[in-house]
C-alpha atoms as a PDB file:
ATOM      1  CA  UNK A   1       0.000   0.000   0.000  1.00  0.00           C
ATOM      2  CA  UNK A   2       1.151   3.481  -0.826  1.00  0.00           C
ATOM      3  CA  UNK A   3       1.340   6.266   1.707  1.00  0.00           C
ATOM      4  CA  UNK A   4      -0.793   9.317   0.918  1.00  0.00           C
ATOM      5  CA  UNK A   5       2.380  11.137  -0.135  1.00  0.00           C
ATOM      6  CA  UNK A   6       3.010   8.445  -2.751  1.00  0.00           C
ATOM      7  CA  UNK A   7      -0.473   8.680  -4.279  1.00  0.00           C
ATOM      8  CA  UNK A   8      -0.330  10.225  -7.746  1.00  0.00           C
ATOM      9  CA  UNK A   9      -2.929  12.904  -8.515  1.00  0.00           C
ATOM     10  CA  UNK A  10      -3.021  14.744 -11.817  1.00  0.00           C
ATOM     11  CA  UNK A  11      -4.066  18.383 -12.165  1.00  0.00           C
ATOM     12  CA  UNK A  12      -5.676  17.880 -15.602  1.00  0.00           C
ATOM     13  CA  UNK A  13      -8.767  16.184 -14.163  1.00  0.00           C
ATOM     14  CA  UNK A  14     -11.366  16.506 -11.432  1.00  0.00           C
ATOM     15  CA  UNK A  15     -12.098  13.962  -8.714  1.00  0.00           C
ATOM     16  CA  UNK A  16     -15.014  12.850  -6.545  1.00  0.00           C
ATOM     17  CA  UNK A  17     -15.112  11.725  -2.937  1.00  0.00           C
ATOM     18  CA  UNK A  18     -16.068   8.327  -4.404  1.00  0.00           C
ATOM     19  CA  UNK A  19     -12.571   8.202  -6.013  1.00  0.00           C
ATOM     20  CA  UNK A  20     -13.671   8.601  -9.629  1.00  0.00           C
ATOM     21  CA  UNK A  21     -11.795  11.007 -11.903  1.00  0.00           C
ATOM     22  CA  UNK A  22     -13.078  12.784 -15.000  1.00  0.00           C
ATOM     23  CA  UNK A  23     -10.983  14.434 -17.708  1.00  0.00           C
ATOM     24  CA  UNK A  24     -11.855  16.399 -20.839  1.00  0.00           C
ATOM     25  CA  UNK A  25     -10.663  14.524 -23.941  1.00  0.00           C
ATOM     26  CA  UNK A  26     -11.627  16.188 -27.194  1.00  0.00           C
ATOM     27  CA  UNK A  27     -15.390  16.777 -27.210  1.00  0.00           C
ATOM     28  CA  UNK A  28     -16.070  14.132 -24.555  1.00  0.00           C
ATOM     29  CA  UNK A  29     -14.779  13.036 -21.147  1.00  0.00           C
ATOM     30  CA  UNK A  30     -12.884  10.027 -19.893  1.00  0.00           C
ATOM     31  CA  UNK A  31     -13.704   8.555 -16.475  1.00  0.00           C
ATOM     32  CA  UNK A  32     -11.675   6.213 -14.326  1.00  0.00           C
ATOM     33  CA  UNK A  33     -10.663   5.551 -10.739  1.00  0.00           C
ATOM     34  CA  UNK A  34      -7.917   7.361  -8.871  1.00  0.00           C
ATOM     35  CA  UNK A  35      -4.510   6.034  -7.928  1.00  0.00           C
ATOM     36  CA  UNK A  36      -5.719   6.002  -4.317  1.00  0.00           C
ATOM     37  CA  UNK A  37      -8.712   3.807  -5.232  1.00  0.00           C
ATOM     38  CA  UNK A  38      -6.734   1.302  -7.283  1.00  0.00           C
ATOM     39  CA  UNK A  39      -4.110   1.099  -4.535  1.00  0.00           C
ATOM     40  CA  UNK A  40      -6.750   0.445  -1.860  1.00  0.00           C
ATOM     41  CA  UNK A  41      -8.493  -2.181  -3.986  1.00  0.00           C
ATOM     42  CA  UNK A  42      -5.405  -4.209  -4.730  1.00  0.00           C
ATOM     43  CA  UNK A  43      -5.339  -6.265  -7.913  1.00  0.00           C
ATOM     44  CA  UNK A  44      -8.429  -5.555 -10.008  1.00  0.00           C
ATOM     45  CA  UNK A  45      -9.945  -8.847 -11.184  1.00  0.00           C
ATOM     46  CA  UNK A  46     -13.084  -7.713 -13.014  1.00  0.00           C
ATOM     47  CA  UNK A  47     -14.789  -4.522 -14.170  1.00  0.00           C
ATOM     48  CA  UNK A  48     -18.521  -4.409 -14.830  1.00  0.00           C
ATOM     49  CA  UNK A  49     -18.954  -1.897 -17.640  1.00  0.00           C
ATOM     50  CA  UNK A  50     -22.160  -0.127 -18.642  1.00  0.00           C
ATOM     51  CA  UNK A  51     -23.501  -0.282 -22.189  1.00  0.00           C
ATOM     52  CA  UNK A  52     -22.869   2.384 -24.802  1.00  0.00           C
ATOM     53  CA  UNK A  53     -25.910   4.647 -24.868  1.00  0.00           C
ATOM     54  CA  UNK A  54     -26.682   4.260 -21.157  1.00  0.00           C
ATOM     55  CA  UNK A  55     -27.311   7.554 -19.359  1.00  0.00           C
ATOM     56  CA  UNK A  56     -26.714   8.177 -15.674  1.00  0.00           C
ATOM     57  CA  UNK A  57     -27.556  10.985 -13.285  1.00  0.00           C
ATOM     58  CA  UNK A  58     -24.812  12.281 -11.001  1.00  0.00           C
ATOM     59  CA  UNK A  59     -24.212  10.021  -8.017  1.00  0.00           C
ATOM     60  CA  UNK A  60     -25.728   6.941  -9.661  1.00  0.00           C
ATOM     61  CA  UNK A  61     -23.639   3.755 -10.064  1.00  0.00           C
ATOM     62  CA  UNK A  62     -22.515   3.115 -13.651  1.00  0.00           C
ATOM     63  CA  UNK A  63     -20.489  -0.051 -13.009  1.00  0.00           C
ATOM     64  CA  UNK A  64     -18.400  -1.976 -10.519  1.00  0.00           C
ATOM     65  CA  UNK A  65     -14.764  -2.774  -9.918  1.00  0.00           C
ATOM     66  CA  UNK A  66     -14.019  -6.129  -8.299  1.00  0.00           C
ATOM     67  CA  UNK A  67     -10.725  -6.976  -6.659  1.00  0.00           C
ATOM     68  CA  UNK A  68      -9.512  -9.794  -4.449  1.00  0.00           C
ATOM     69  CA  UNK A  69     -10.465  -7.599  -1.470  1.00  0.00           C
ATOM     70  CA  UNK A  70     -13.866  -6.185  -2.405  1.00  0.00           C
ATOM     71  CA  UNK A  71     -16.485  -5.154  -4.940  1.00  0.00           C
ATOM     72  CA  UNK A  72     -16.974  -1.395  -5.276  1.00  0.00           C
ATOM     73  CA  UNK A  73     -19.578   0.546  -7.216  1.00  0.00           C
ATOM     74  CA  UNK A  74     -18.461   3.275  -9.608  1.00  0.00           C
ATOM     75  CA  UNK A  75     -20.525   6.441  -9.188  1.00  0.00           C
ATOM     76  CA  UNK A  76     -21.113   8.907 -12.013  1.00  0.00           C
ATOM     77  CA  UNK A  77     -19.622  12.298 -11.078  1.00  0.00           C
ATOM     78  CA  UNK A  78     -22.030  14.305 -13.279  1.00  0.00           C
ATOM     79  CA  UNK A  79     -25.051  13.547 -15.466  1.00  0.00           C
ATOM     80  CA  UNK A  80     -23.643  11.822 -18.540  1.00  0.00           C
ATOM     81  CA  UNK A  81     -24.261   9.437 -21.430  1.00  0.00           C
ATOM     82  CA  UNK A  82     -21.798   6.610 -22.072  1.00  0.00           C
ATOM     83  CA  UNK A  83     -20.429   6.801 -25.612  1.00  0.00           C
ATOM     84  CA  UNK A  84     -17.599   4.261 -25.293  1.00  0.00           C
ATOM     85  CA  UNK A  85     -16.377   1.651 -22.829  1.00  0.00           C
ATOM     86  CA  UNK A  86     -12.772   0.546 -22.452  1.00  0.00           C
ATOM     87  CA  UNK A  87     -12.991  -2.950 -23.953  1.00  0.00           C
ATOM     88  CA  UNK A  88      -9.372  -3.629 -22.899  1.00  0.00           C
ATOM     89  CA  UNK A  89     -10.671  -4.052 -19.344  1.00  0.00           C
ATOM     90  CA  UNK A  90     -12.745  -7.102 -20.325  1.00  0.00           C
ATOM     91  CA  UNK A  91      -9.567  -9.160 -20.804  1.00  0.00           C
ATOM     92  CA  UNK A  92      -7.033  -7.107 -18.826  1.00  0.00           C
ATOM     93  CA  UNK A  93      -8.814  -5.503 -15.872  1.00  0.00           C
ATOM     94  CA  UNK A  94      -5.499  -5.087 -14.016  1.00  0.00           C
ATOM     95  CA  UNK A  95      -4.712  -2.348 -16.548  1.00  0.00           C
ATOM     96  CA  UNK A  96      -6.470  -0.151 -13.986  1.00  0.00           C
ATOM     97  CA  UNK A  97      -3.727  -0.984 -11.467  1.00  0.00           C
ATOM     98  CA  UNK A  98      -0.956  -0.395 -13.988  1.00  0.00           C
ATOM     99  CA  UNK A  99      -2.237   2.808 -15.620  1.00  0.00           C
ATOM    100  CA  UNK A 100      -5.303   4.155 -13.816  1.00  0.00           C
ATOM    101  CA  UNK A 101      -4.888   7.566 -15.479  1.00  0.00           C
ATOM    102  CA  UNK A 102      -3.933   6.271 -18.937  1.00  0.00           C
ATOM    103  CA  UNK A 103      -4.869   2.980 -20.586  1.00  0.00           C
ATOM    104  CA  UNK A 104      -6.926   2.045 -17.516  1.00  0.00           C
ATOM    105  CA  UNK A 105      -9.719   4.574 -18.158  1.00  0.00           C
ATOM    106  CA  UNK A 106     -13.148   2.989 -17.767  1.00  0.00           C
ATOM    107  CA  UNK A 107     -15.684   4.890 -19.899  1.00  0.00           C
ATOM    108  CA  UNK A 108     -15.933   7.818 -22.290  1.00  0.00           C
ATOM    109  CA  UNK A 109     -19.001   9.983 -21.805  1.00  0.00           C
ATOM    110  CA  UNK A 110     -20.885  12.996 -23.085  1.00  0.00           C
ATOM    111  CA  UNK A 111     -21.567  15.281 -20.146  1.00  0.00           C
ATOM    112  CA  UNK A 112     -25.004  16.896 -19.955  1.00  0.00           C
ATOM    113  CA  UNK A 113     -23.741  20.157 -18.388  1.00  0.00           C
ATOM    114  CA  UNK A 114     -20.007  20.864 -18.489  1.00  0.00           C
ATOM    115  CA  UNK A 115     -20.380  23.507 -15.758  1.00  0.00           C
ATOM    116  CA  UNK A 116     -21.108  20.642 -13.314  1.00  0.00           C
ATOM    117  CA  UNK A 117     -17.460  19.555 -13.628  1.00  0.00           C
ATOM    118  CA  UNK A 118     -16.381  22.788 -11.901  1.00  0.00           C
ATOM    119  CA  UNK A 119     -18.144  21.579  -8.750  1.00  0.00           C
ATOM    120  CA  UNK A 120     -15.914  18.495  -8.491  1.00  0.00           C
ATOM    121  CA  UNK A 121     -12.673  18.299  -6.504  1.00  0.00           C
ATOM    122  CA  UNK A 122      -9.403  19.611  -7.899  1.00  0.00           C
ATOM    123  CA  UNK A 123      -6.319  17.440  -7.313  1.00  0.00           C
ATOM    124  CA  UNK A 124      -5.416  19.595  -4.283  1.00  0.00           C
ATOM    125  CA  UNK A 125      -8.920  19.402  -2.829  1.00  0.00           C
ATOM    126  CA  UNK A 126      -9.018  15.624  -3.393  1.00  0.00           C
ATOM    127  CA  UNK A 127      -5.659  15.222  -1.639  1.00  0.00           C
ATOM    128  CA  UNK A 128      -7.005  17.280   1.295  1.00  0.00           C
ATOM    129  CA  UNK A 129     -10.068  14.986   1.365  1.00  0.00           C
ATOM    130  CA  UNK A 130      -7.809  11.905   1.457  1.00  0.00           C
ATOM    131  CA  UNK A 131      -5.783  13.395   4.293  1.00  0.00           C
ATOM    132  CA  UNK A 132      -8.876  13.767   6.543  1.00  0.00           C
END
């Protein structure tokens, strides 16, 4: 397990207190789980992905991440429609452990209201939350 000082947080995305990150990527957004979350989970064994075209309100589960230790729901940070899922995770779910901010993204979504992203945690605010 990493110490909180070893947890990597990137400034180019926003975070939730449910450990999901969201990042603008072209005209859509990528979502995944934070370095803290993947570290706490341990080796990710399975990811339950939503279907393309599914829409979710903020705070609603859009999938699950299963590790040896636990099964955790993934909560949508803002109202969004899924436009792509990371198919790599079907065969290589541990990609989340290896590259949670890169190849380990979980879904690509169209966000209903981009202004809602501003209400999410910055990297600094997320780190402060983790330190509580």
